[in-house]
């Protein structure tokens, strides 16, 4: 099952010497402060992590994202 089309992003972050990244899909193409905080939680990062980059990957299904 592919699911609905979403706008996918790769969000990378750092806190001290720890780095992480999250691939996450949203129903709109806007990345708000709440969504950045959500990405930090999903990635298991500290709430005060610094966002290093937000990359837009495209509008697609979850199935397309995983290919």
Protein backbone atom coordinates (compact mmCIF):
# COMPACT_ATOMS: atom_id res chain seq x y z
CA UNK A 1 0.00 0.00 0.00
CA UNK A 2 1.41 3.34 -1.05
CA UNK A 3 -0.70 5.77 0.96
CA UNK A 4 -1.50 9.38 0.10
CA UNK A 5 0.90 11.75 -1.59
CA UNK A 6 2.93 13.82 0.86
CA UNK A 7 5.67 16.44 0.61
CA UNK A 8 8.83 14.68 1.84
CA UNK A 9 11.80 16.37 3.48
CA UNK A 10 15.17 15.33 4.87
CA UNK A 11 15.91 17.37 8.00
CA UNK A 12 19.40 17.15 9.48
CA UNK A 13 20.38 18.44 12.91
CA UNK A 14 23.18 18.55 15.48
CA UNK A 15 23.50 18.90 19.24
CA UNK A 16 27.08 18.97 20.52
CA UNK A 17 28.83 16.06 18.82
CA UNK A 18 25.57 14.19 18.09
CA UNK A 19 24.10 14.46 14.60
CA UNK A 20 20.96 13.01 13.11
CA UNK A 21 18.59 13.21 10.20
CA UNK A 22 14.93 12.43 9.63
CA UNK A 23 12.99 11.68 6.46
CA UNK A 24 9.46 12.91 7.07
CA UNK A 25 6.36 13.61 5.01
CA UNK A 26 3.77 16.36 5.46
CA UNK A 27 0.49 17.18 3.75
CA UNK A 28 1.71 20.70 2.87
CA UNK A 29 5.06 21.97 1.64
CA UNK A 30 5.58 24.25 4.64
CA UNK A 31 8.16 23.47 7.34
CA UNK A 32 7.10 25.32 10.49
CA UNK A 33 8.81 25.60 13.86
CA UNK A 34 6.37 23.00 15.22
CA UNK A 35 7.35 20.62 12.44
CA UNK A 36 11.05 21.15 13.14
CA UNK A 37 10.40 20.35 16.81
CA UNK A 38 8.52 17.23 15.71
CA UNK A 39 11.46 16.19 13.51
CA UNK A 40 13.80 16.53 16.50
CA UNK A 41 11.51 14.29 18.59
CA UNK A 42 11.15 11.71 15.81
CA UNK A 43 14.92 11.70 15.35
CA UNK A 44 15.55 11.28 19.07
CA UNK A 45 17.51 14.52 19.21
CA UNK A 46 17.73 17.12 21.98
CA UNK A 47 15.05 19.85 21.72
CA UNK A 48 17.79 22.51 21.46
CA UNK A 49 19.46 20.78 18.50
CA UNK A 50 20.52 23.07 15.68
CA UNK A 51 18.90 22.47 12.29
CA UNK A 52 21.71 22.07 9.74
CA UNK A 53 19.65 21.60 6.57
CA UNK A 54 16.13 21.07 5.29
CA UNK A 55 16.04 19.38 1.89
CA UNK A 56 12.83 19.06 -0.11
CA UNK A 57 12.64 15.61 -1.70
CA UNK A 58 9.37 15.92 -3.59
CA UNK A 59 5.64 15.21 -3.57
CA UNK A 60 5.09 11.45 -3.65
CA UNK A 61 3.58 8.39 -1.99
CA UNK A 62 5.37 6.56 0.80
CA UNK A 63 5.92 3.71 -1.66
CA UNK A 64 7.72 6.02 -4.07
CA UNK A 65 9.76 7.44 -1.20
CA UNK A 66 11.04 3.97 -0.27
CA UNK A 67 12.10 2.94 -3.81
